[in-house]
Each structure stands twice: as structure tokens, then as C-alpha cells.
């Protein structure tokens, strides 16, 4: 399949960005990836020594129920038979995104191969593995018998969009984890306390902007909330990020996760 280009791909990526932190993100991320290469199933997992292996995203173009069942089984027990998992656990320092093509010769357990490939009709996979703020991410892009194996050009295309997909997944994971930590109680008040722990040099306006970012508002929404112009919000955000030594929302969520224990909360899903 030739990769699409133009407005369709742009709209698909924008849709994934808009859904960050929401249940719709999984399907929209898969749609965005399909703008470049045909992918039948997508899963994203996270691993840390404290929380173990957790499911972050699951989506499918062809069999959503089946891929969810496979992912539950994988996370619950069978990941130990995945040759990538041992190496995934060793991803403790490098932030570089490793792109790995499935090699059936590495599957030593026949029962594992039968459950997760043969019976499920999965014939190929490209994986992304990387580390960010103490968490290892593991994204899998599957092809089934109905679509066939990846061509070399398709693999190259997936390599080219690895950073884009990783950024979306990391941002979604960070927002999901922070929001889960504040699922009970006065979320706005807790967010204010959390932002207060990030840096004493932040002005009240800068703190208010960060709180609203964490609450899921975009620039125009924050401007309405605070009664100022959108350009002012951008300025406050830029100054706040500079004071914290960060440059993106993903890094903001990562900083929040690091200070969560000081509130007596855990940043888990």
C-alpha cells in the first residue's frame, strides 16, 4: 500500500492529538499510523520496575475484541515468553527509539507462537521500544493474513514516523497517568498543589496556565478561562516551561509524575 499524503494524513494526526488523554486516542492513533502504512492492530504497553507491565493502548481495524483478548493474556502472563520483553526490561538508560522487525526465529515457545501469531492470524510486526522518565514504552504495529507481510518500503516508512508515534504515545501516557492520580477528589485543587511543587519561581499566571494544561484545556480554552488573549497564554506557557527547564507538554507531565509522591499519590493507571 502506498502511504497517503496531504489533508487526510494531517487530519488523522490532528485527530490523535485532540484525543490525547481520552479513550478515543487508541483508535485515532491507529488511524494516523494508517495514513502512512496499512496496520491492522496496534498495542502500546508501558513497563517500570515499580508498576510492572501495563496496557496503554489497544486498537484494531479488523478484530478489536480479539486483539483486546490477546493483549490481556499477554500482560497477565505470557509476556515472559516474548523475546522482546527481556530486552525491554533492560531499556533503563537509552531514550533512543529502537525500531524492531518481527523475526519468527526468535520465538522459542511454540505455544506462545500459536496463541499470539498463528491462531490470531498475525503474520508480521514492527515494534518501537524506548524509555522516558523511568518508563519503558513498547508499541507494536501488527499485520494479519488479510493484509500480508510488510514490504521493505513500508518498514522504512514506519521507521520514518517512529518519533511522531512515540511522541503521541508518550504524551497520551503522561496525561493519562496524571489524570488517573487525580481521579478522586478536587482535581483542580490537587493540580494547583502539584504545580506549586514544580517551581517556586513561577508567577500566579504561569501556574494557572500550567494547571489548565494539566486539566486538558488548549490555548484558546485557557485564554477564555483566564480572560486574556491567546498570545498572552503562549507567553506565560513559554516562560513557565523555560523556568522549569522543559519544552513540551510531555516533559510537563513527566515532571508532575516525579513530584506526585510528595502529594501522597501514585501516578498509575
Protein backbone atom coordinates (compact mmCIF):
# COMPACT_ATOMS: atom_id res chain seq x y z
CA UNK A 1 0.00 0.00 0.00
CA UNK A 2 1.29 3.44 -0.85
CA UNK A 3 1.40 5.90 2.01
CA UNK A 4 -1.18 8.62 1.78
CA UNK A 5 -0.31 12.28 2.00
CA UNK A 6 -1.98 15.65 2.25
CA UNK A 7 -5.08 16.69 4.20
CA UNK A 8 -6.20 13.15 5.07
CA UNK A 9 -2.99 12.36 6.96
CA UNK A 10 -2.90 15.81 8.55
CA UNK A 11 -6.48 15.42 9.76
CA UNK A 12 -5.75 11.95 11.14
CA UNK A 13 -2.76 13.21 13.11
CA UNK A 14 -4.76 16.19 14.38
CA UNK A 15 -7.48 13.79 15.48
CA UNK A 16 -4.97 11.79 17.52
CA UNK A 17 -3.61 14.98 19.10
CA UNK A 18 -7.12 16.14 20.02
CA UNK A 19 -7.85 12.78 21.68
CA UNK A 20 -4.73 12.66 23.87
CA UNK A 21 -5.75 11.54 27.35
CA UNK A 22 -9.14 10.32 26.10
CA UNK A 23 -10.48 6.80 25.32
CA UNK A 24 -10.77 7.71 21.62
CA UNK A 25 -7.00 8.13 21.38
CA UNK A 26 -6.31 4.45 20.66
CA UNK A 27 -8.42 4.30 17.50
CA UNK A 28 -7.32 7.73 16.33
CA UNK A 29 -3.65 6.85 16.74
CA UNK A 30 -4.18 3.73 14.64
CA UNK A 31 -5.93 5.85 12.00
CA UNK A 32 -2.98 8.26 11.98
CA UNK A 33 -0.47 5.44 11.50
CA UNK A 34 -2.61 4.04 8.70
CA UNK A 35 -2.13 7.33 6.92
CA UNK A 36 1.43 6.19 6.27
CA UNK A 37 1.31 2.37 6.26
CA UNK A 38 -1.51 -0.16 6.46
CA UNK A 39 -1.54 -1.52 10.04
CA UNK A 40 -4.22 -3.95 11.25
CA UNK A 41 -3.64 -3.93 15.03
CA UNK A 42 -1.86 -1.52 17.37
CA UNK A 43 -0.91 -2.01 21.01
CA UNK A 44 1.10 0.21 23.35
CA UNK A 45 2.42 -1.04 26.69
CA UNK A 46 4.45 0.52 29.48
CA UNK A 47 6.88 -1.09 31.89
CA UNK A 48 8.53 0.14 35.07
CA UNK A 49 10.16 -1.71 37.93
CA UNK A 50 7.57 -0.33 40.38
CA UNK A 51 4.41 -0.92 38.35
CA UNK A 52 5.38 -3.79 36.09
CA UNK A 53 3.82 -4.18 32.65
CA UNK A 54 0.65 -2.22 31.88
CA UNK A 55 -1.61 -1.77 28.88
CA UNK A 56 -1.78 1.77 27.50
CA UNK A 57 -3.42 1.49 24.05
CA UNK A 58 -5.22 -1.23 22.07
CA UNK A 59 -6.85 -0.71 18.68
CA UNK A 60 -7.72 -2.77 15.62
CA UNK A 61 -9.08 -2.24 12.13
CA UNK A 62 -10.23 -5.85 11.82
CA UNK A 63 -10.86 -7.52 15.21
CA UNK A 64 -10.99 -5.24 18.25
CA UNK A 65 -12.35 -7.94 20.57
CA UNK A 66 -9.67 -10.42 19.56
CA UNK A 67 -6.76 -8.03 19.97
CA UNK A 68 -8.02 -6.90 23.38
CA UNK A 69 -8.14 -10.55 24.49
CA UNK A 70 -4.62 -11.15 23.21
CA UNK A 71 -3.32 -8.05 25.00
CA UNK A 72 -4.95 -9.04 28.30
CA UNK A 73 -3.36 -12.50 28.11
CA UNK A 74 -0.01 -11.02 27.17
CA UNK A 75 0.05 -8.55 30.07
CA UNK A 76 -1.27 -11.07 32.60
CA UNK A 77 1.26 -13.81 31.99
CA UNK A 78 2.59 -14.58 28.53
CA UNK A 79 4.84 -11.54 28.10
CA UNK A 80 7.57 -13.56 29.78
CA UNK A 81 7.81 -15.66 26.61
CA UNK A 82 8.21 -12.62 24.35
CA UNK A 83 11.89 -12.33 23.33
CA UNK A 84 11.46 -8.55 23.18
CA UNK A 85 10.33 -8.35 26.80
CA UNK A 86 13.66 -9.33 28.34
CA UNK A 87 15.34 -6.62 26.28
CA UNK A 88 12.51 -4.21 27.05
CA UNK A 89 13.26 -4.55 30.77
CA UNK A 90 16.86 -3.62 30.06
CA UNK A 91 15.84 -0.31 28.44
CA UNK A 92 16.84 1.60 31.56
CA UNK A 93 19.04 4.36 30.18
CA UNK A 94 18.64 4.95 26.47
CA UNK A 95 15.94 7.34 25.23
CA UNK A 96 16.65 6.36 21.63
CA UNK A 97 13.69 4.77 19.84
CA UNK A 98 14.58 1.28 18.69
CA UNK A 99 12.60 0.04 15.69
CA UNK A 100 12.45 -3.73 15.51
CA UNK A 101 11.00 -6.01 12.82
CA UNK A 102 9.42 -9.28 13.92
CA UNK A 103 11.65 -12.34 13.47
CA UNK A 104 9.72 -15.63 13.98
CA UNK A 105 13.01 -17.47 14.52
CA UNK A 106 13.33 -15.75 17.89
CA UNK A 107 10.09 -17.32 19.17
CA UNK A 108 11.25 -20.40 21.11
CA UNK A 109 7.92 -21.34 22.72
CA UNK A 110 5.55 -22.97 20.23
CA UNK A 111 2.51 -22.40 22.44
CA UNK A 112 3.31 -18.66 22.52
CA UNK A 113 3.73 -18.53 18.75
CA UNK A 114 0.47 -20.39 18.23
CA UNK A 115 -1.54 -18.18 20.64
CA UNK A 116 -0.20 -14.79 19.62
CA UNK A 117 0.56 -15.30 15.95
CA UNK A 118 -0.77 -18.41 14.18
CA UNK A 119 -4.24 -18.64 15.75
CA UNK A 120 -4.66 -14.86 15.75
CA UNK A 121 -3.74 -14.64 12.07
CA UNK A 122 -0.82 -12.28 12.75
CA UNK A 123 1.98 -12.62 10.20
CA UNK A 124 4.21 -9.60 10.85
CA UNK A 125 5.01 -6.91 13.39
CA UNK A 126 7.09 -3.76 13.72
CA UNK A 127 7.84 -2.59 17.25
CA UNK A 128 9.04 0.66 18.81
CA UNK A 129 10.87 0.48 22.15
CA UNK A 130 12.17 3.48 24.11
CA UNK A 131 12.50 4.91 27.62
CA UNK A 132 11.20 8.21 29.01
CA UNK A 133 11.31 9.41 32.63
CA UNK A 134 11.81 5.96 34.14
CA UNK A 135 9.12 4.29 31.99
CA UNK A 136 9.80 1.96 29.06
CA UNK A 137 7.32 2.13 26.18
CA UNK A 138 6.61 -0.80 23.86
CA UNK A 139 4.47 -0.11 20.77
CA UNK A 140 3.53 -2.92 18.39
CA UNK A 141 2.17 -2.48 14.86
CA UNK A 142 0.72 -5.75 13.55
CA UNK A 143 -0.17 -7.10 10.12
CA UNK A 144 -2.58 -10.01 9.65
CA UNK A 145 -3.14 -12.59 6.92
CA UNK A 146 -5.68 -10.32 5.24
CA UNK A 147 -3.02 -7.63 4.66
CA UNK A 148 0.19 -9.68 4.45
CA UNK A 149 3.78 -9.00 5.44
CA UNK A 150 5.33 -5.53 5.49
CA UNK A 151 7.31 -4.62 2.40
CA UNK A 152 10.77 -3.13 2.91
CA UNK A 153 9.50 0.31 1.88
CA UNK A 154 6.69 0.08 4.45
CA UNK A 155 9.17 -0.75 7.19
CA UNK A 156 11.27 2.26 6.16
CA UNK A 157 8.15 4.40 6.32
CA UNK A 158 7.38 3.17 9.85
CA UNK A 159 10.96 3.95 10.83
CA UNK A 160 10.48 7.49 9.49
CA UNK A 161 7.37 8.13 11.62
CA UNK A 162 8.72 6.47 14.79
CA UNK A 163 9.35 9.78 16.56
CA UNK A 164 5.89 11.08 15.72
CA UNK A 165 4.16 7.96 17.04
CA UNK A 166 6.39 7.83 20.12
CA UNK A 167 5.67 11.47 20.95
CA UNK A 168 1.91 10.94 20.71
CA UNK A 169 2.03 7.78 22.84
CA UNK A 170 4.30 9.38 25.45
CA UNK A 171 2.09 12.46 25.73
CA UNK A 172 -1.04 10.32 25.99
CA UNK A 173 0.59 8.12 28.62
CA UNK A 174 1.73 11.09 30.69
CA UNK A 175 -1.67 12.77 30.66
CA UNK A 176 -3.47 9.51 31.39
CA UNK A 177 -1.24 8.75 34.36
CA UNK A 178 -1.52 12.23 35.85
CA UNK A 179 -5.29 12.32 35.42
CA UNK A 180 -5.63 8.85 36.97
CA UNK A 181 -3.79 10.08 40.04
CA UNK A 182 -6.41 12.82 40.46
CA UNK A 183 -9.44 10.71 39.62
CA UNK A 184 -10.85 11.14 43.12
CA UNK A 185 -11.37 14.39 44.98
CA UNK A 186 -10.89 18.02 44.00
CA UNK A 187 -8.84 17.57 40.81
CA UNK A 188 -8.39 21.29 40.21
CA UNK A 189 -7.18 21.90 43.75
CA UNK A 190 -4.78 18.98 43.59
CA UNK A 191 -3.45 20.19 40.25
CA UNK A 192 -2.74 23.57 41.82
CA UNK A 193 -0.84 21.89 44.65
CA UNK A 194 1.07 19.80 42.16
CA UNK A 195 2.08 22.78 40.02
CA UNK A 196 3.12 24.58 43.19
CA UNK A 197 5.68 21.84 43.79
CA UNK A 198 7.25 22.24 40.35
CA UNK A 199 8.93 25.58 40.95
CA UNK A 200 8.69 28.44 43.42
CA UNK A 201 9.71 31.00 40.79
CA UNK A 202 6.53 30.54 38.76
CA UNK A 203 4.18 33.52 38.81
CA UNK A 204 0.50 33.06 39.62
CA UNK A 205 -0.40 33.45 35.93
CA UNK A 206 2.21 30.91 34.87
CA UNK A 207 0.94 28.45 37.47
CA UNK A 208 -2.65 28.99 36.33
CA UNK A 209 -1.70 28.24 32.73
CA UNK A 210 0.07 25.00 33.72
CA UNK A 211 -2.87 23.92 35.86
CA UNK A 212 -5.22 24.37 32.91
CA UNK A 213 -2.86 22.48 30.59
CA UNK A 214 -2.89 19.58 33.04
CA UNK A 215 -6.68 19.78 33.16
CA UNK A 216 -6.74 19.20 29.39
CA UNK A 217 -7.52 22.71 28.12
CA UNK A 218 -5.95 24.04 24.94
CA UNK A 219 -4.64 27.57 24.36
CA UNK A 220 -7.98 29.06 23.32
CA UNK A 221 -9.79 27.44 26.26
CA UNK A 222 -7.21 28.66 28.76
CA UNK A 223 -7.48 32.18 27.33
CA UNK A 224 -11.25 32.14 27.88
CA UNK A 225 -10.83 30.68 31.36
CA UNK A 226 -8.35 33.38 32.45
CA UNK A 227 -9.88 36.23 30.45
CA UNK A 228 -6.74 37.09 28.48
CA UNK A 229 -5.57 36.93 24.87
CA UNK A 230 -4.28 33.68 23.38
CA UNK A 231 -0.88 35.27 22.71
CA UNK A 232 -0.59 36.03 26.44
CA UNK A 233 -1.25 32.37 27.24
CA UNK A 234 1.52 31.34 24.85
CA UNK A 235 3.88 33.80 26.54
CA UNK A 236 3.03 32.57 30.05
CA UNK A 237 3.46 28.96 28.91
CA UNK A 238 6.81 29.70 27.27
CA UNK A 239 8.11 31.47 30.39
CA UNK A 240 6.88 28.68 32.68
CA UNK A 241 8.49 25.98 30.55
CA UNK A 242 11.76 27.93 30.45
CA UNK A 243 11.81 28.28 34.26
CA UNK A 244 11.18 24.53 34.64
CA UNK A 245 13.78 23.64 32.03
CA UNK A 246 11.27 21.85 29.80
CA UNK A 247 9.94 22.42 26.29
CA UNK A 248 6.81 20.30 25.85
CA UNK A 249 3.63 19.00 27.47
CA UNK A 250 5.17 15.53 27.62
CA UNK A 251 8.00 16.87 29.76
CA UNK A 252 5.49 18.74 31.95
CA UNK A 253 3.59 15.52 32.63
CA UNK A 254 6.88 13.72 33.34
CA UNK A 255 7.85 16.39 35.90
CA UNK A 256 4.44 16.07 37.53
CA UNK A 257 4.81 12.31 37.82
CA UNK A 258 8.13 12.75 39.62
CA UNK A 259 6.62 15.00 42.31
CA UNK A 260 3.38 13.02 42.78
CA UNK A 261 4.80 11.06 45.75
CA UNK A 262 5.15 14.36 47.62
CA UNK A 263 1.34 14.60 47.50
CA UNK A 264 0.94 11.05 48.73
CA UNK A 265 -0.41 9.94 45.34
CA UNK A 266 0.80 7.39 42.80
CA UNK A 267 0.84 8.16 39.10
CA UNK A 268 -0.53 4.82 37.97
CA UNK A 269 -3.36 3.95 35.66
